[in-house]
Protein backbone atom coordinates (compact mmCIF):
# COMPACT_ATOMS: atom_id res chain seq x y z
CA MET A 1 -62.51 -20.03 13.94
CA LYS A 2 -63.59 -16.76 15.51
CA ILE A 3 -67.24 -17.85 15.62
CA PHE A 4 -66.21 -21.00 17.53
CA GLU A 5 -64.37 -18.82 20.07
CA ASN A 6 -67.38 -16.52 20.42
CA ILE A 7 -69.74 -19.43 21.06
CA ILE A 8 -67.52 -20.96 23.74
CA ASN A 9 -66.86 -17.61 25.44
CA HIS A 10 -70.56 -16.75 25.41
CA LYS A 11 -71.44 -20.06 27.05
CA ILE A 12 -68.77 -19.62 29.72
CA ASN A 13 -69.89 -16.07 30.44
CA THR A 14 -73.57 -17.06 30.82
CA ILE A 15 -73.27 -20.50 32.43
CA THR A 16 -75.48 -21.46 35.36
CA ALA A 17 -74.44 -23.61 38.30
CA GLU A 18 -76.61 -26.46 37.01
CA GLU A 19 -75.02 -26.31 33.56
CA LEU A 20 -71.59 -26.17 35.11
CA ILE A 21 -72.29 -29.32 37.12
CA LYS A 22 -73.59 -31.07 33.99
CA TYR A 23 -70.48 -30.18 31.98
CA ALA A 24 -68.17 -31.06 34.87
CA ASN A 25 -69.72 -34.52 35.05
CA GLN A 26 -69.22 -35.00 31.29
CA PHE A 27 -65.52 -34.28 31.69
CA ASN A 28 -65.04 -36.18 34.97
CA ILE A 29 -64.54 -33.07 37.06
CA THR A 30 -66.04 -33.31 40.53
CA VAL A 31 -67.67 -30.09 41.65
CA ASN A 32 -70.38 -29.67 44.25
CA ARG A 33 -73.37 -27.35 43.98
CA GLN A 34 -71.87 -24.68 46.26
CA GLN A 35 -68.61 -24.59 44.27
CA ALA A 36 -70.50 -24.50 40.97
CA LYS A 37 -72.63 -21.63 42.23
CA LYS A 38 -69.56 -19.60 43.26
CA ILE A 39 -67.85 -20.24 39.93
CA ALA A 40 -70.98 -19.42 37.89
CA GLU A 41 -71.53 -16.22 39.87
CA TYR A 42 -67.95 -15.18 39.20
CA LEU A 43 -68.26 -15.91 35.48
CA ARG A 44 -71.62 -14.24 34.91
CA GLY A 45 -71.21 -10.95 33.10
CA LYS A 46 -67.41 -10.88 33.21
CA ASN A 47 -67.00 -11.28 29.43
CA ILE A 48 -63.94 -13.49 29.89
CA ASN A 49 -62.08 -14.72 26.81
CA ILE A 50 -60.63 -18.15 27.62
CA PHE A 51 -58.61 -17.96 24.40
CA ASP A 52 -56.56 -15.15 25.96
CA ASP A 53 -53.83 -16.69 28.14
CA GLY A 54 -53.85 -13.85 30.69
CA GLN A 55 -57.60 -13.83 31.14
CA ARG A 56 -57.69 -17.62 31.37
CA ALA A 57 -54.95 -17.61 34.05
CA THR A 58 -56.85 -15.02 36.09
CA LEU A 59 -60.02 -17.08 35.78
CA ILE A 60 -58.25 -20.24 36.94
CA ARG A 61 -56.89 -18.42 40.01
CA GLU A 62 -60.41 -17.27 40.87
CA ILE A 63 -61.77 -20.80 40.40
CA ALA A 64 -59.04 -22.08 42.74
CA LYS A 65 -60.21 -19.62 45.40
CA ALA A 66 -63.85 -20.60 44.97
CA ALA A 67 -63.59 -24.36 44.43
CA GLY A 68 -60.08 -25.45 45.32
CA PRO A 69 -56.84 -26.00 43.46
CA GLN A 70 -57.63 -29.49 42.15
CA ILE A 71 -60.84 -28.36 40.46
CA ALA A 72 -59.00 -25.34 39.06
CA ARG A 73 -56.37 -27.68 37.55
CA ASP A 74 -59.08 -29.87 36.04
CA VAL A 75 -60.91 -26.87 34.58
CA ASN A 76 -57.64 -25.53 33.21
CA LYS A 77 -57.05 -28.87 31.43
CA LEU A 78 -60.53 -28.62 29.94
CA PHE A 79 -60.00 -25.02 28.81
CA THR A 80 -56.63 -25.95 27.33
CA GLU A 81 -58.29 -28.68 25.27
CA LEU A 82 -60.98 -26.25 24.10
CA VAL A 83 -58.51 -23.60 22.96
CA LYS A 84 -56.44 -26.16 21.01
CA GLN A 85 -59.39 -26.86 18.69
């Protein structure tokens, strides 16, 4: 299970705006290029662990600032599904 967590965290911590848009579309989350860029810039190099509730909550607050509360809620739903696995 730990390897699964490492793979997901690595992808989140190195994601590009283009990748973020691609994944958002797959999960029916609407995000524009500017929002994706802000979110990707925030994530890059932060070494965030989405499996840690505190770190995930902080991340969601930052996404809400960058992209709006609705997108943050959608991303939180996605993260919640990922951590259930």
